[in-house]
Amino acid sequence: MLFFSRKKEDRELRIFLKKVLGVRPRQLELFHIALTHRSSSTTQGGHRINNERLEYLGDAVLSTVVADFLYKKYPLKGEGFLTEMRSKIVSRASLNKLARKIGLLDLIDYQRNAQGVFKSIGGDAFEALVGALYLEEGYRRTRRLLIDRILCMHLDVEAIAQTDWNYKSKLIDWAQKHHRKASFEVVRSFYQGNASRRQYECRVNLDGEAQQTAVDFSIKAAEQLAAEKTYKDLLEKGVIEKTTE
């Protein structure tokens, strides 16, 4: 029964890779690993097999490809704009949304009874997929596939450029205008499960009182997410007026 189940999984994965990325992989098992969440890890030779190593690799490759793409797309824009745009595109929120859009979530192997616990499972798997693609195809082809098949087909880069993303700056500006003090604090840093990448939990404090917290793989990203959650919470409570957005 397991044999037929794996044949079905192989077929579905091949169809996905051909349809979304335009590739026929020689090392299909590598892509299966890319879609294996730590909750479904297997053990080989004393090592846990899941997508976390590929996620680490894919994160670096994706960041480089996006930086290269933006540098050439916006030749007159400064470093600040390019950095913020890259952060928007590779943020966990953006990658999670992308994973849903391309149908990646349906292929991830994870413990279904834990559904809802792993908030970044889609974005993590997408980065791991990029890592597998890099090992399979090399950097030059991976770059071309990501630009042609992902960035240009599934992301509206111009719309992203217009998105009001820097909630940290918005929150600080609002606080200064209303003579209040907004500060950011790293609550903890940790490795979850057998993860190879450190995560950070950051919290917003307003006049010394704890507000919202968020977790991401960099302090800057976690602060942005916590600021967004805090800003929207204050907006909903009426502390921040909508006209001030």
Protein backbone atom coordinates (compact mmCIF):
# COMPACT_ATOMS: atom_id res chain seq x y z
CA MET A 1 0.00 0.00 0.00
CA LEU A 2 2.90 2.31 0.87
CA PHE A 3 4.47 1.61 -2.53
CA PHE A 4 1.36 2.74 -4.41
CA SER A 5 1.01 5.76 -2.10
CA ARG A 6 4.59 6.85 -2.89
CA LYS A 7 4.02 6.37 -6.62
CA LYS A 8 1.06 8.73 -6.35
CA GLU A 9 3.16 11.24 -4.40
CA ASP A 10 5.93 11.00 -7.01
CA ARG A 11 3.46 11.67 -9.81
CA GLU A 12 1.86 14.64 -8.04
CA LEU A 13 5.26 16.15 -7.27
CA ARG A 14 6.48 15.73 -10.85
CA ILE A 15 3.33 17.40 -12.17
CA PHE A 16 3.74 20.29 -9.74
CA LEU A 17 7.41 20.83 -10.60
CA LYS A 18 6.73 20.76 -14.33
CA LYS A 19 3.70 23.05 -14.11
CA VAL A 20 5.06 25.62 -11.66
CA LEU A 21 8.81 25.62 -12.27
CA GLY A 22 9.09 23.97 -15.67
CA VAL A 23 11.56 21.31 -14.54
CA ARG A 24 11.75 17.53 -14.79
CA PRO A 25 13.96 16.63 -11.82
CA ARG A 26 16.61 13.96 -11.98
CA GLN A 27 16.79 13.78 -8.16
CA LEU A 28 13.13 13.60 -7.21
CA GLU A 29 13.97 12.45 -3.68
CA LEU A 30 15.72 15.77 -3.10
CA PHE A 31 12.42 17.57 -3.71
CA HIS A 32 10.57 15.14 -1.45
CA ILE A 33 13.00 16.10 1.31
CA ALA A 34 12.37 19.78 0.54
CA LEU A 35 8.70 19.16 1.30
CA THR A 36 9.24 17.11 4.46
CA HIS A 37 8.53 19.18 7.55
CA ARG A 38 10.46 18.43 10.74
CA SER A 39 7.30 16.97 12.29
CA SER A 40 7.51 14.17 9.70
CA SER A 41 11.28 13.65 9.93
CA THR A 42 12.80 10.26 9.24
CA THR A 43 16.17 9.05 10.53
CA GLN A 44 19.01 7.75 8.36
CA GLY A 45 22.42 6.90 9.76
CA GLY A 46 21.60 8.72 12.98
CA HIS A 47 20.63 11.92 11.14
CA ARG A 48 17.16 13.41 11.00
CA ILE A 49 15.97 13.91 7.43
CA ASN A 50 13.71 16.91 6.86
CA ASN A 51 13.72 20.18 4.89
CA GLU A 52 15.55 22.42 7.36
CA ARG A 53 19.01 22.19 5.73
CA LEU A 54 17.50 22.85 2.30
CA GLU A 55 15.51 25.74 3.80
CA TYR A 56 18.75 27.29 5.06
CA LEU A 57 20.31 26.97 1.61
CA GLY A 58 17.21 28.17 -0.23
CA ASP A 59 16.92 31.24 1.98
CA ALA A 60 20.38 32.40 0.89
CA VAL A 61 19.78 31.61 -2.79
CA LEU A 62 16.36 33.28 -2.87
CA SER A 63 17.65 36.41 -1.15
CA THR A 64 20.49 36.68 -3.69
CA VAL A 65 18.18 36.15 -6.68
CA VAL A 66 15.67 38.72 -5.43
CA ALA A 67 18.45 41.25 -4.72
CA ASP A 68 19.86 40.73 -8.23
CA PHE A 69 16.40 41.02 -9.80
CA LEU A 70 15.54 44.24 -7.94
CA TYR A 71 18.96 45.81 -8.60
CA LYS A 72 18.41 45.44 -12.36
CA LYS A 73 14.69 46.27 -12.34
CA TYR A 74 15.13 49.53 -10.43
CA PRO A 75 18.45 51.05 -11.66
CA LEU A 76 17.71 54.48 -10.20
CA LYS A 77 16.50 53.40 -6.75
CA GLY A 78 18.68 53.66 -3.67
CA GLU A 79 19.84 51.04 -1.20
CA GLY A 80 17.02 51.75 1.25
CA PHE A 81 14.28 51.11 -1.30
CA LEU A 82 15.97 47.95 -2.60
CA THR A 83 16.50 46.55 0.90
CA GLU A 84 12.90 47.18 1.90
CA MET A 85 11.58 45.66 -1.32
CA ARG A 86 13.67 42.55 -0.82
CA SER A 87 12.42 42.28 2.76
CA LYS A 88 8.83 42.53 1.56
CA ILE A 89 9.26 39.81 -1.05
CA VAL A 90 11.13 37.29 1.11
CA SER A 91 9.16 37.93 4.32
CA ARG A 92 7.43 34.94 5.88
CA ALA A 93 4.01 36.51 5.24
CA SER A 94 4.80 36.95 1.54
CA LEU A 95 6.29 33.47 1.10
CA ASN A 96 3.42 31.82 2.98
CA LYS A 97 0.97 33.56 0.66
CA LEU A 98 3.01 32.52 -2.38
CA ALA A 99 3.10 28.89 -1.21
CA ARG A 100 -0.70 28.85 -0.99
CA LYS A 101 -1.07 30.47 -4.40
CA ILE A 102 1.08 27.95 -6.25
CA GLY A 103 -0.46 24.96 -4.47
CA LEU A 104 2.63 24.01 -2.48
CA LEU A 105 0.79 23.46 0.80
CA ASP A 106 -0.98 20.39 -0.59
CA LEU A 107 2.36 18.66 -1.14
CA ILE A 108 4.04 19.27 2.24
CA ASP A 109 4.52 16.17 4.40
CA TYR A 110 3.80 17.09 8.01
CA GLN A 111 1.84 15.79 10.96
CA ARG A 112 -1.73 16.82 10.21
CA ASN A 113 -2.78 16.58 13.85
CA ALA A 114 -0.50 19.55 14.48
CA GLN A 115 -2.11 21.68 11.75
CA GLY A 116 -2.23 25.36 12.65
CA VAL A 117 0.84 25.20 14.90
CA PHE A 118 3.40 25.76 12.16
CA LYS A 119 2.57 29.25 10.93
CA SER A 120 5.48 29.47 8.49
CA ILE A 121 5.27 25.96 7.08
CA GLY A 122 4.48 27.15 3.53
CA GLY A 123 7.21 29.78 3.37
CA ASP A 124 9.74 27.40 4.91
CA ALA A 125 8.90 24.71 2.34
CA PHE A 126 9.18 27.19 -0.52
CA GLU A 127 12.68 28.18 0.59
CA ALA A 128 13.60 24.49 0.86
CA LEU A 129 12.24 23.98 -2.65
CA VAL A 130 14.54 26.75 -3.86
CA GLY A 131 17.44 24.99 -2.13
CA ALA A 132 16.60 21.73 -3.90
CA LEU A 133 16.25 23.54 -7.22
CA TYR A 134 19.68 25.12 -6.75
CA LEU A 135 21.30 21.73 -6.07
CA GLU A 136 19.50 20.21 -9.06
CA GLU A 137 19.95 23.00 -11.61
CA GLY A 138 22.77 25.26 -10.39
CA TYR A 139 22.55 28.99 -9.68
CA ARG A 140 22.16 30.44 -13.19
CA ARG A 141 19.19 28.27 -14.16
CA THR A 142 17.64 28.57 -10.71
CA ARG A 143 17.86 32.35 -10.98
CA ARG A 144 16.19 32.32 -14.39
CA LEU A 145 13.42 29.93 -13.28
CA LEU A 146 12.67 31.93 -10.13
CA ILE A 147 12.50 35.20 -12.05
CA ASP A 148 10.49 33.90 -15.01
CA ARG A 149 8.23 31.39 -13.26
CA ILE A 150 7.79 32.93 -9.79
CA LEU A 151 8.65 36.63 -9.53
CA CYS A 152 7.14 37.61 -12.89
CA MET A 153 4.18 35.21 -12.89
CA HIS A 154 3.02 35.04 -9.27
CA LEU A 155 4.17 38.28 -7.65
CA ASP A 156 2.96 41.76 -8.53
CA VAL A 157 6.22 43.54 -7.81
CA GLU A 158 4.83 46.99 -8.63
CA ALA A 159 1.95 46.46 -6.21
CA ILE A 160 4.39 45.28 -3.56
CA ALA A 161 6.39 48.48 -4.06
CA GLN A 162 3.26 50.47 -3.21
CA THR A 163 2.44 48.40 -0.14
CA ASP A 164 2.76 50.23 3.16
CA TRP A 165 4.98 47.66 4.83
CA ASN A 166 7.21 49.52 7.27
CA TYR A 167 4.93 49.40 10.30
CA LYS A 168 7.89 49.87 12.61
CA SER A 169 8.50 53.35 11.21
CA LYS A 170 4.76 54.09 11.22
CA LEU A 171 4.45 53.09 14.86
CA ILE A 172 7.49 55.09 15.92
CA ASP A 173 6.31 58.17 13.99
CA TRP A 174 2.84 57.92 15.56
CA ALA A 175 4.34 57.53 19.05
CA GLN A 176 6.61 60.55 18.63
CA LYS A 177 3.76 62.65 17.32
CA HIS A 178 1.62 61.79 20.35
CA HIS A 179 4.47 62.07 22.90
CA ARG A 180 4.55 58.35 23.62
CA LYS A 181 7.50 56.00 23.69
CA ALA A 182 7.57 52.92 21.43
CA SER A 183 10.45 50.52 21.95
CA PHE A 184 11.39 47.04 20.74
CA GLU A 185 12.74 44.18 22.79
CA VAL A 186 14.14 40.77 21.93
CA VAL A 187 12.25 38.48 24.29
CA ARG A 188 14.19 35.33 23.39
CA SER A 189 16.14 33.58 20.67
CA PHE A 190 15.79 29.86 20.13
CA TYR A 191 16.11 26.85 17.87
CA GLN A 192 12.83 25.01 17.39
CA GLY A 193 13.00 21.23 17.19
CA ASN A 194 16.08 20.19 15.24
CA ALA A 195 16.22 23.48 13.36
CA SER A 196 19.53 24.79 12.08
CA ARG A 197 18.38 28.41 11.99
CA ARG A 198 17.95 30.60 15.05
CA GLN A 199 14.59 32.31 15.48
CA TYR A 200 13.87 35.50 17.39
CA GLU A 201 10.82 36.59 19.34
CA CYS A 202 10.49 40.36 19.58
CA ARG A 203 7.99 42.47 21.48
CA VAL A 204 6.74 46.02 21.16
CA ASN A 205 6.54 48.09 24.33
CA LEU A 206 4.46 51.26 24.43
CA ASP A 207 5.24 53.56 27.34
CA GLY A 208 6.84 50.57 29.03
CA GLU A 209 3.77 48.34 28.63
CA ALA A 210 4.05 45.13 26.64
CA GLN A 211 2.12 45.03 23.38
CA GLN A 212 2.29 42.41 20.59
CA THR A 213 5.06 39.88 19.94
CA ALA A 214 6.18 38.09 16.77
CA VAL A 215 8.71 35.47 15.72
CA ASP A 216 10.94 35.39 12.63
CA PHE A 217 14.42 34.38 11.52
CA SER A 218 15.93 37.83 11.99
CA ILE A 219 15.45 40.47 14.66
CA LYS A 220 14.55 43.08 12.05
CA ALA A 221 11.83 40.92 10.52
CA ALA A 222 10.41 39.94 13.91
CA GLU A 223 10.28 43.61 14.94
CA GLN A 224 8.44 44.49 11.73
CA LEU A 225 5.84 41.77 12.33
CA ALA A 226 5.38 42.75 15.97
CA ALA A 227 5.03 46.41 14.95
CA GLU A 228 2.41 45.52 12.35
CA LYS A 229 0.40 43.47 14.86
CA THR A 230 0.64 46.27 17.43
CA TYR A 231 -0.27 49.02 14.98
CA LYS A 232 -3.32 47.15 13.69
CA ASP A 233 -4.37 46.27 17.25
CA LEU A 234 -4.17 49.93 18.33
CA LEU A 235 -6.04 50.91 15.17
CA GLU A 236 -8.83 48.45 15.94
CA LYS A 237 -9.08 49.69 19.53
CA GLY A 238 -9.32 53.29 18.34
CA VAL A 239 -6.08 54.34 19.98
CA ILE A 240 -4.74 55.19 16.54
CA GLU A 241 -7.23 57.01 14.34
CA LYS A 242 -7.72 55.70 10.82
CA THR A 243 -7.22 59.16 9.40
CA THR A 244 -3.66 59.13 10.68
CA GLU A 245 -2.66 56.09 8.54
